[in-house]
Amino acid sequence: MKLTQSIFSAYYSAKNSVENFVKRQDGVTAIEYAIVAAGVAAVVVVLFKSDGDFAKAMKAIFERLSGQLDTLLKQNGTGTGTGGTA
């Protein structure tokens, strides 16, 4: 009789452990976040690689802004436009 109770106890314990493992979502959520992070990292690498179109466009925008700021600073006499003192 005791052996049968031990077997049933072990069976139900194992069954409950498997059911709890299947119901838990912690690991699934962590894996989903890892997949999303990997996708975002891939997009960032593609967009910001040094010879990419996006990087070239951003560089052109900042160069144009820098030139315009230099021109404004020189016109107003508030500086040299090069970061130095007048």
PDB file of N, CA and C in Angstrom:
ATOM      1  N   MET A   1       0.814  -1.193   0.000  1.00  0.00           N
ATOM      2  CA  MET A   1       0.000   0.000   0.000  1.00  0.00           C
ATOM      3  C   MET A   1       0.864   1.266   0.000  1.00  0.00           C
ATOM      4  N   LYS A   2       1.918   1.270   0.820  1.00  0.00           N
ATOM      5  CA  LYS A   2       2.796   2.424   0.872  1.00  0.00           C
ATOM      6  C   LYS A   2       3.508   2.649  -0.453  1.00  0.00           C
ATOM      7  N   LEU A   3       3.888   1.568  -1.124  1.00  0.00           N
ATOM      8  CA  LEU A   3       4.565   1.685  -2.408  1.00  0.00           C
ATOM      9  C   LEU A   3       3.640   2.335  -3.429  1.00  0.00           C
ATOM     10  N   THR A   4       2.386   1.969  -3.431  1.00  0.00           N
ATOM     11  CA  THR A   4       1.418   2.541  -4.358  1.00  0.00           C
ATOM     12  C   THR A   4       1.235   4.029  -4.088  1.00  0.00           C
ATOM     13  N   GLN A   5       1.165   4.396  -2.809  1.00  0.00           N
ATOM     14  CA  GLN A   5       1.030   5.807  -2.455  1.00  0.00           C
ATOM     15  C   GLN A   5       2.265   6.593  -2.893  1.00  0.00           C
ATOM     16  N   SER A   6       3.431   6.017  -2.737  1.00  0.00           N
ATOM     17  CA  SER A   6       4.661   6.685  -3.149  1.00  0.00           C
ATOM     18  C   SER A   6       4.697   6.879  -4.658  1.00  0.00           C
ATOM     19  N   ILE A   7       4.249   5.866  -5.394  1.00  0.00           N
ATOM     20  CA  ILE A   7       4.228   5.963  -6.850  1.00  0.00           C
ATOM     21  C   ILE A   7       3.248   7.051  -7.288  1.00  0.00           C
ATOM     22  N   PHE A   8       2.038   7.049  -6.714  1.00  0.00           N
ATOM     23  CA  PHE A   8       1.059   8.075  -7.064  1.00  0.00           C
ATOM     24  C   PHE A   8       1.549   9.473  -6.669  1.00  0.00           C
ATOM     25  N   SER A   9       2.199   9.572  -5.530  1.00  0.00           N
ATOM     26  CA  SER A   9       2.728  10.857  -5.079  1.00  0.00           C
ATOM     27  C   SER A   9       3.797  11.373  -6.046  1.00  0.00           C
ATOM     28  N   ALA A  10       4.680  10.471  -6.452  1.00  0.00           N
ATOM     29  CA  ALA A  10       5.728  10.861  -7.402  1.00  0.00           C
ATOM     30  C   ALA A  10       5.109  11.234  -8.745  1.00  0.00           C
ATOM     31  N   TYR A  11       4.104  10.499  -9.183  1.00  0.00           N
ATOM     32  CA  TYR A  11       3.441  10.785 -10.449  1.00  0.00           C
ATOM     33  C   TYR A  11       2.801  12.175 -10.420  1.00  0.00           C
ATOM     34  N   TYR A  12       2.029  12.458  -9.364  1.00  0.00           N
ATOM     35  CA  TYR A  12       1.362  13.750  -9.279  1.00  0.00           C
ATOM     36  C   TYR A  12       2.359  14.896  -9.109  1.00  0.00           C
ATOM     37  N   SER A  13       3.428  14.648  -8.402  1.00  0.00           N
ATOM     38  CA  SER A  13       4.461  15.671  -8.244  1.00  0.00           C
ATOM     39  C   SER A  13       5.109  15.990  -9.596  1.00  0.00           C
ATOM     40  N   ALA A  14       5.442  14.946 -10.349  1.00  0.00           N
ATOM     41  CA  ALA A  14       6.037  15.151 -11.672  1.00  0.00           C
ATOM     42  C   ALA A  14       5.037  15.819 -12.604  1.00  0.00           C
ATOM     43  N   LYS A  15       3.777  15.395 -12.548  1.00  0.00           N
ATOM     44  CA  LYS A  15       2.732  15.978 -13.401  1.00  0.00           C
ATOM     45  C   LYS A  15       2.564  17.460 -13.090  1.00  0.00           C
ATOM     46  N   ASN A  16       2.517  17.807 -11.820  1.00  0.00           N
ATOM     47  CA  ASN A  16       2.373  19.212 -11.436  1.00  0.00           C
ATOM     48  C   ASN A  16       3.591  20.036 -11.860  1.00  0.00           C
ATOM     49  N   SER A  17       4.769  19.463 -11.747  1.00  0.00           N
ATOM     50  CA  SER A  17       5.981  20.176 -12.168  1.00  0.00           C
ATOM     51  C   SER A  17       5.961  20.454 -13.664  1.00  0.00           C
ATOM     52  N   VAL A  18       5.569  19.480 -14.455  1.00  0.00           N
ATOM     53  CA  VAL A  18       5.498  19.654 -15.905  1.00  0.00           C
ATOM     54  C   VAL A  18       4.422  20.681 -16.258  1.00  0.00           C
ATOM     55  N   GLU A  19       3.270  20.612 -15.622  1.00  0.00           N
ATOM     56  CA  GLU A  19       2.204  21.582 -15.892  1.00  0.00           C
ATOM     57  C   GLU A  19       2.647  23.001 -15.544  1.00  0.00           C
ATOM     58  N   ASN A  20       3.318  23.167 -14.407  1.00  0.00           N
ATOM     59  CA  ASN A  20       3.811  24.490 -14.021  1.00  0.00           C
ATOM     60  C   ASN A  20       4.861  24.989 -14.996  1.00  0.00           C
ATOM     61  N   PHE A  21       5.718  24.104 -15.474  1.00  0.00           N
ATOM     62  CA  PHE A  21       6.739  24.486 -16.442  1.00  0.00           C
ATOM     63  C   PHE A  21       6.106  24.967 -17.740  1.00  0.00           C
ATOM     64  N   VAL A  22       5.075  24.261 -18.187  1.00  0.00           N
ATOM     65  CA  VAL A  22       4.405  24.623 -19.435  1.00  0.00           C
ATOM     66  C   VAL A  22       3.636  25.939 -19.269  1.00  0.00           C
ATOM     67  N   LYS A  23       3.055  26.190 -18.112  1.00  0.00           N
ATOM     68  CA  LYS A  23       2.250  27.393 -17.881  1.00  0.00           C
ATOM     69  C   LYS A  23       3.099  28.644 -17.673  1.00  0.00           C
ATOM     70  N   ARG A  24       4.334  28.492 -17.220  1.00  0.00           N
ATOM     71  CA  ARG A  24       5.166  29.667 -16.923  1.00  0.00           C
ATOM     72  C   ARG A  24       5.502  30.413 -18.207  1.00  0.00           C
ATOM     73  N   GLN A  25       5.438  31.722 -18.158  1.00  0.00           N
ATOM     74  CA  GLN A  25       5.688  32.560 -19.314  1.00  0.00           C
ATOM     75  C   GLN A  25       6.978  33.369 -19.186  1.00  0.00           C
ATOM     76  N   ASP A  26       7.670  33.275 -18.066  1.00  0.00           N
ATOM     77  CA  ASP A  26       8.873  34.086 -17.845  1.00  0.00           C
ATOM     78  C   ASP A  26       9.923  33.839 -18.910  1.00  0.00           C
ATOM     79  N   GLY A  27      10.222  32.597 -19.173  1.00  0.00           N
ATOM     80  CA  GLY A  27      11.241  32.265 -20.156  1.00  0.00           C
ATOM     81  C   GLY A  27      10.840  32.676 -21.565  1.00  0.00           C
ATOM     82  N   VAL A  28       9.571  32.513 -21.881  1.00  0.00           N
ATOM     83  CA  VAL A  28       9.074  32.870 -23.204  1.00  0.00           C
ATOM     84  C   VAL A  28       9.204  34.377 -23.414  1.00  0.00           C
ATOM     85  N   THR A  29       8.857  35.148 -22.403  1.00  0.00           N
ATOM     86  CA  THR A  29       8.952  36.598 -22.509  1.00  0.00           C
ATOM     87  C   THR A  29      10.402  37.027 -22.682  1.00  0.00           C
ATOM     88  N   ALA A  30      11.305  36.419 -21.952  1.00  0.00           N
ATOM     89  CA  ALA A  30      12.719  36.759 -22.076  1.00  0.00           C
ATOM     90  C   ALA A  30      13.233  36.446 -23.480  1.00  0.00           C
ATOM     91  N   ILE A  31      12.812  35.328 -24.026  1.00  0.00           N
ATOM     92  CA  ILE A  31      13.233  34.962 -25.386  1.00  0.00           C
ATOM     93  C   ILE A  31      12.656  35.950 -26.398  1.00  0.00           C
ATOM     94  N   GLU A  32      11.408  36.342 -26.202  1.00  0.00           N
ATOM     95  CA  GLU A  32      10.801  37.323 -27.116  1.00  0.00           C
ATOM     96  C   GLU A  32      11.563  38.641 -27.078  1.00  0.00           C
ATOM     97  N   TYR A  33      11.918  39.108 -25.899  1.00  0.00           N
ATOM     98  CA  TYR A  33      12.689  40.347 -25.785  1.00  0.00           C
ATOM     99  C   TYR A  33      14.054  40.202 -26.442  1.00  0.00           C
ATOM    100  N   ALA A  34      14.682  39.056 -26.300  1.00  0.00           N
ATOM    101  CA  ALA A  34      15.992  38.833 -26.931  1.00  0.00           C
ATOM    102  C   ALA A  34      15.868  38.874 -28.457  1.00  0.00           C
ATOM    103  N   ILE A  35      14.812  38.297 -28.988  1.00  0.00           N
ATOM    104  CA  ILE A  35      14.607  38.312 -30.442  1.00  0.00           C
ATOM    105  C   ILE A  35      14.365  39.735 -30.927  1.00  0.00           C
ATOM    106  N   VAL A  36      13.550  40.489 -30.201  1.00  0.00           N
ATOM    107  CA  VAL A  36      13.289  41.885 -30.577  1.00  0.00           C
ATOM    108  C   VAL A  36      14.575  42.700 -30.500  1.00  0.00           C
ATOM    109  N   ALA A  37      15.359  42.516 -29.440  1.00  0.00           N
ATOM    110  CA  ALA A  37      16.616  43.252 -29.296  1.00  0.00           C
ATOM    111  C   ALA A  37      17.580  42.915 -30.431  1.00  0.00           C
ATOM    112  N   ALA A  38      17.646  41.664 -30.833  1.00  0.00           N
ATOM    113  CA  ALA A  38      18.516  41.277 -31.940  1.00  0.00           C
ATOM    114  C   ALA A  38      18.052  41.931 -33.242  1.00  0.00           C
ATOM    115  N   GLY A  39      16.746  42.000 -33.451  1.00  0.00           N
ATOM    116  CA  GLY A  39      16.215  42.655 -34.650  1.00  0.00           C
ATOM    117  C   GLY A  39      16.528  44.146 -34.670  1.00  0.00           C
ATOM    118  N   VAL A  40      16.348  44.795 -33.532  1.00  0.00           N
ATOM    119  CA  VAL A  40      16.659  46.230 -33.444  1.00  0.00           C
ATOM    120  C   VAL A  40      18.147  46.464 -33.677  1.00  0.00           C
ATOM    121  N   ALA A  41      18.989  45.619 -33.097  1.00  0.00           N
ATOM    122  CA  ALA A  41      20.439  45.755 -33.287  1.00  0.00           C
ATOM    123  C   ALA A  41      20.807  45.597 -34.758  1.00  0.00           C
ATOM    124  N   ALA A  42      20.176  44.661 -35.433  1.00  0.00           N
ATOM    125  CA  ALA A  42      20.465  44.463 -36.856  1.00  0.00           C
ATOM    126  C   ALA A  42      20.068  45.690 -37.675  1.00  0.00           C
ATOM    127  N   VAL A  43      18.923  46.269 -37.359  1.00  0.00           N
ATOM    128  CA  VAL A  43      18.477  47.466 -38.076  1.00  0.00           C
ATOM    129  C   VAL A  43      19.436  48.631 -37.814  1.00  0.00           C
ATOM    130  N   VAL A  44      19.858  48.802 -36.572  1.00  0.00           N
ATOM    131  CA  VAL A  44      20.782  49.885 -36.232  1.00  0.00           C
ATOM    132  C   VAL A  44      22.107  49.714 -36.962  1.00  0.00           C
ATOM    133  N   VAL A  45      22.604  48.496 -37.013  1.00  0.00           N
ATOM    134  CA  VAL A  45      23.875  48.253 -37.711  1.00  0.00           C
ATOM    135  C   VAL A  45      23.742  48.578 -39.193  1.00  0.00           C
ATOM    136  N   VAL A  46      22.639  48.164 -39.803  1.00  0.00           N
ATOM    137  CA  VAL A  46      22.445  48.427 -41.230  1.00  0.00           C
ATOM    138  C   VAL A  46      22.314  49.929 -41.491  1.00  0.00           C
ATOM    139  N   LEU A  47      21.555  50.624 -40.651  1.00  0.00           N
ATOM    140  CA  LEU A  47      21.340  52.053 -40.863  1.00  0.00           C
ATOM    141  C   LEU A  47      22.588  52.889 -40.616  1.00  0.00           C
ATOM    142  N   PHE A  48      23.351  52.539 -39.604  1.00  0.00           N
ATOM    143  CA  PHE A  48      24.444  53.394 -39.178  1.00  0.00           C
ATOM    144  C   PHE A  48      25.822  52.912 -39.604  1.00  0.00           C
ATOM    145  N   LYS A  49      25.905  51.953 -40.499  1.00  0.00           N
ATOM    146  CA  LYS A  49      27.232  51.560 -40.958  1.00  0.00           C
ATOM    147  C   LYS A  49      27.878  52.740 -41.669  1.00  0.00           C
ATOM    148  N   SER A  50      29.179  52.834 -41.615  1.00  0.00           N
ATOM    149  CA  SER A  50      29.873  54.057 -42.021  1.00  0.00           C
ATOM    150  C   SER A  50      29.704  54.400 -43.500  1.00  0.00           C
ATOM    151  N   ASP A  51      29.492  53.427 -44.352  1.00  0.00           N
ATOM    152  CA  ASP A  51      29.370  53.733 -45.775  1.00  0.00           C
ATOM    153  C   ASP A  51      27.931  53.622 -46.288  1.00  0.00           C
ATOM    154  N   GLY A  52      26.980  53.557 -45.368  1.00  0.00           N
ATOM    155  CA  GLY A  52      25.581  53.401 -45.766  1.00  0.00           C
ATOM    156  C   GLY A  52      24.951  54.714 -46.189  1.00  0.00           C
ATOM    157  N   ASP A  53      23.833  54.611 -46.881  1.00  0.00           N
ATOM    158  CA  ASP A  53      23.116  55.791 -47.362  1.00  0.00           C
ATOM    159  C   ASP A  53      22.646  56.677 -46.216  1.00  0.00           C
ATOM    160  N   PHE A  54      22.161  56.055 -45.150  1.00  0.00           N
ATOM    161  CA  PHE A  54      21.673  56.829 -44.008  1.00  0.00           C
ATOM    162  C   PHE A  54      22.804  57.621 -43.369  1.00  0.00           C
ATOM    163  N   ALA A  55      23.957  56.973 -43.182  1.00  0.00           N
ATOM    164  CA  ALA A  55      25.105  57.658 -42.587  1.00  0.00           C
ATOM    165  C   ALA A  55      25.572  58.809 -43.478  1.00  0.00           C
ATOM    166  N   LYS A  56      25.563  58.595 -44.776  1.00  0.00           N
ATOM    167  CA  LYS A  56      25.956  59.666 -45.709  1.00  0.00           C
ATOM    168  C   LYS A  56      24.979  60.830 -45.647  1.00  0.00           C
ATOM    169  N   ALA A  57      23.699  60.536 -45.585  1.00  0.00           N
ATOM    170  CA  ALA A  57      22.682  61.588 -45.517  1.00  0.00           C
ATOM    171  C   ALA A  57      22.817  62.383 -44.219  1.00  0.00           C
ATOM    172  N   MET A  58      23.031  61.681 -43.101  1.00  0.00           N
ATOM    173  CA  MET A  58      23.193  62.379 -41.826  1.00  0.00           C
ATOM    174  C   MET A  58      24.441  63.244 -41.836  1.00  0.00           C
ATOM    175  N   LYS A  59      25.519  62.741 -42.393  1.00  0.00           N
ATOM    176  CA  LYS A  59      26.756  63.512 -42.466  1.00  0.00           C
ATOM    177  C   LYS A  59      26.540  64.772 -43.307  1.00  0.00           C
ATOM    178  N   ALA A  60      25.847  64.655 -44.421  1.00  0.00           N
ATOM    179  CA  ALA A  60      25.571  65.811 -45.272  1.00  0.00           C
ATOM    180  C   ALA A  60      24.724  66.841 -44.535  1.00  0.00           C
ATOM    181  N   ILE A  61      23.727  66.386 -43.805  1.00  0.00           N
ATOM    182  CA  ILE A  61      22.869  67.310 -43.048  1.00  0.00           C
ATOM    183  C   ILE A  61      23.691  68.073 -42.014  1.00  0.00           C
ATOM    184  N   PHE A  62      24.522  67.367 -41.262  1.00  0.00           N
ATOM    185  CA  PHE A  62      25.311  68.034 -40.222  1.00  0.00           C
ATOM    186  C   PHE A  62      26.373  68.948 -40.819  1.00  0.00           C
ATOM    187  N   GLU A  63      26.938  68.580 -41.934  1.00  0.00           N
ATOM    188  CA  GLU A  63      27.904  69.469 -42.591  1.00  0.00           C
ATOM    189  C   GLU A  63      27.220  70.746 -43.072  1.00  0.00           C
ATOM    190  N   ARG A  64      26.010  70.611 -43.620  1.00  0.00           N
ATOM    191  CA  ARG A  64      25.267  71.777 -44.080  1.00  0.00           C
ATOM    192  C   ARG A  64      24.903  72.680 -42.899  1.00  0.00           C
ATOM    193  N   LEU A  65      24.438  72.086 -41.805  1.00  0.00           N
ATOM    194  CA  LEU A  65      24.112  72.874 -40.614  1.00  0.00           C
ATOM    195  C   LEU A  65      25.347  73.569 -40.045  1.00  0.00           C
ATOM    196  N   SER A  66      26.455  72.851 -40.028  1.00  0.00           N
ATOM    197  CA  SER A  66      27.697  73.437 -39.532  1.00  0.00           C
ATOM    198  C   SER A  66      28.109  74.638 -40.381  1.00  0.00           C
ATOM    199  N   GLY A  67      28.009  74.508 -41.690  1.00  0.00           N
ATOM    200  CA  GLY A  67      28.336  75.608 -42.584  1.00  0.00           C
ATOM    201  C   GLY A  67      27.425  76.809 -42.380  1.00  0.00           C
ATOM    202  N   GLN A  68      26.132  76.548 -42.199  1.00  0.00           N
ATOM    203  CA  GLN A  68      25.184  77.633 -41.974  1.00  0.00           C
ATOM    204  C   GLN A  68      25.454  78.338 -40.648  1.00  0.00           C
ATOM    205  N   LEU A  69      25.778  77.561 -39.606  1.00  0.00           N
ATOM    206  CA  LEU A  69      26.103  78.166 -38.313  1.00  0.00           C
ATOM    207  C   LEU A  69      27.372  78.999 -38.410  1.00  0.00           C
ATOM    208  N   ASP A  70      28.378  78.500 -39.107  1.00  0.00           N
ATOM    209  CA  ASP A  70      29.613  79.271 -39.296  1.00  0.00           C
ATOM    210  C   ASP A  70      29.311  80.597 -39.988  1.00  0.00           C
ATOM    211  N   THR A  71      28.483  80.543 -41.026  1.00  0.00           N
ATOM    212  CA  THR A  71      28.128  81.757 -41.771  1.00  0.00           C
ATOM    213  C   THR A  71      27.390  82.746 -40.874  1.00  0.00           C
ATOM    214  N   LEU A  72      26.430  82.255 -40.095  1.00  0.00           N
ATOM    215  CA  LEU A  72      25.673  83.138 -39.204  1.00  0.00           C
ATOM    216  C   LEU A  72      26.571  83.769 -38.147  1.00  0.00           C
ATOM    217  N   LEU A  73      27.460  82.967 -37.569  1.00  0.00           N
ATOM    218  CA  LEU A  73      28.343  83.491 -36.532  1.00  0.00           C
ATOM    219  C   LEU A  73      29.297  84.542 -37.097  1.00  0.00           C
ATOM    220  N   LYS A  74      29.788  84.326 -38.289  1.00  0.00           N
ATOM    221  CA  LYS A  74      30.698  85.294 -38.909  1.00  0.00           C
ATOM    222  C   LYS A  74      29.963  86.583 -39.274  1.00  0.00           C
ATOM    223  N   GLN A  75      28.710  86.454 -39.748  1.00  0.00           N
ATOM    224  CA  GLN A  75      27.929  87.628 -40.134  1.00  0.00           C
ATOM    225  C   GLN A  75      27.582  88.493 -38.919  1.00  0.00           C
ATOM    226  N   ASN A  76      27.276  87.844 -37.820  1.00  0.00           N
ATOM    227  CA  ASN A  76      26.879  88.576 -36.618  1.00  0.00           C
ATOM    228  C   ASN A  76      28.080  89.055 -35.813  1.00  0.00           C
ATOM    229  N   GLY A  77      29.240  88.590 -36.149  1.00  0.00           N
ATOM    230  CA  GLY A  77      30.435  89.010 -35.416  1.00  0.00           C
ATOM    231  C   GLY A  77      30.496  88.467 -34.008  1.00  0.00           C
ATOM    232  N   THR A  78      29.772  87.388 -33.749  1.00  0.00           N
ATOM    233  CA  THR A  78      29.745  86.822 -32.399  1.00  0.00           C
ATOM    234  C   THR A  78      30.775  85.720 -32.222  1.00  0.00           C
ATOM    235  N   GLY A  79      31.526  85.453 -33.237  1.00  0.00           N
ATOM    236  CA  GLY A  79      32.535  84.414 -33.111  1.00  0.00           C
ATOM    237  C   GLY A  79      33.156  84.130 -34.457  1.00  0.00           C
ATOM    238  N   THR A  80      34.115  83.232 -34.442  1.00  0.00           N
ATOM    239  CA  THR A  80      34.801  82.895 -35.689  1.00  0.00           C
ATOM    240  C   THR A  80      34.098  81.798 -36.443  1.00  0.00           C
ATOM    241  N   GLY A  81      33.199  81.107 -35.751  1.00  0.00           N
ATOM    242  CA  GLY A  81      32.502  80.008 -36.387  1.00  0.00           C
ATOM    243  C   GLY A  81      33.286  78.715 -36.369  1.00  0.00           C
ATOM    244  N   THR A  82      34.464  78.762 -35.785  1.00  0.00           N
ATOM    245  CA  THR A  82      35.282  77.545 -35.744  1.00  0.00           C
ATOM    246  C   THR A  82      35.454  77.039 -34.321  1.00  0.00           C
ATOM    247  N   GLY A  83      34.747  77.615 -33.406  1.00  0.00           N
ATOM    248  CA  GLY A  83      34.848  77.180 -32.020  1.00  0.00           C
ATOM    249  C   GLY A  83      35.936  77.909 -31.256  1.00  0.00           C
ATOM    250  N   GLY A  84      36.720  78.719 -31.937  1.00  0.00           N
ATOM    251  CA  GLY A  84      37.778  79.487 -31.275  1.00  0.00           C
ATOM    252  C   GLY A  84      37.233  80.805 -30.761  1.00  0.00           C
ATOM    253  N   THR A  85      38.109  81.578 -30.117  1.00  0.00           N
ATOM    254  CA  THR A  85      37.682  82.873 -29.603  1.00  0.00           C
ATOM    255  C   THR A  85      37.943  83.939 -30.648  1.00  0.00           C
ATOM    256  N   ALA A  86      37.114  84.970 -30.669  1.00  0.00           N
ATOM    257  CA  ALA A  86      37.228  86.046 -31.659  1.00  0.00           C
ATOM    258  C   ALA A  86      38.281  87.046 -31.273  1.00  0.00           C
TER     259      ALA A  86
END
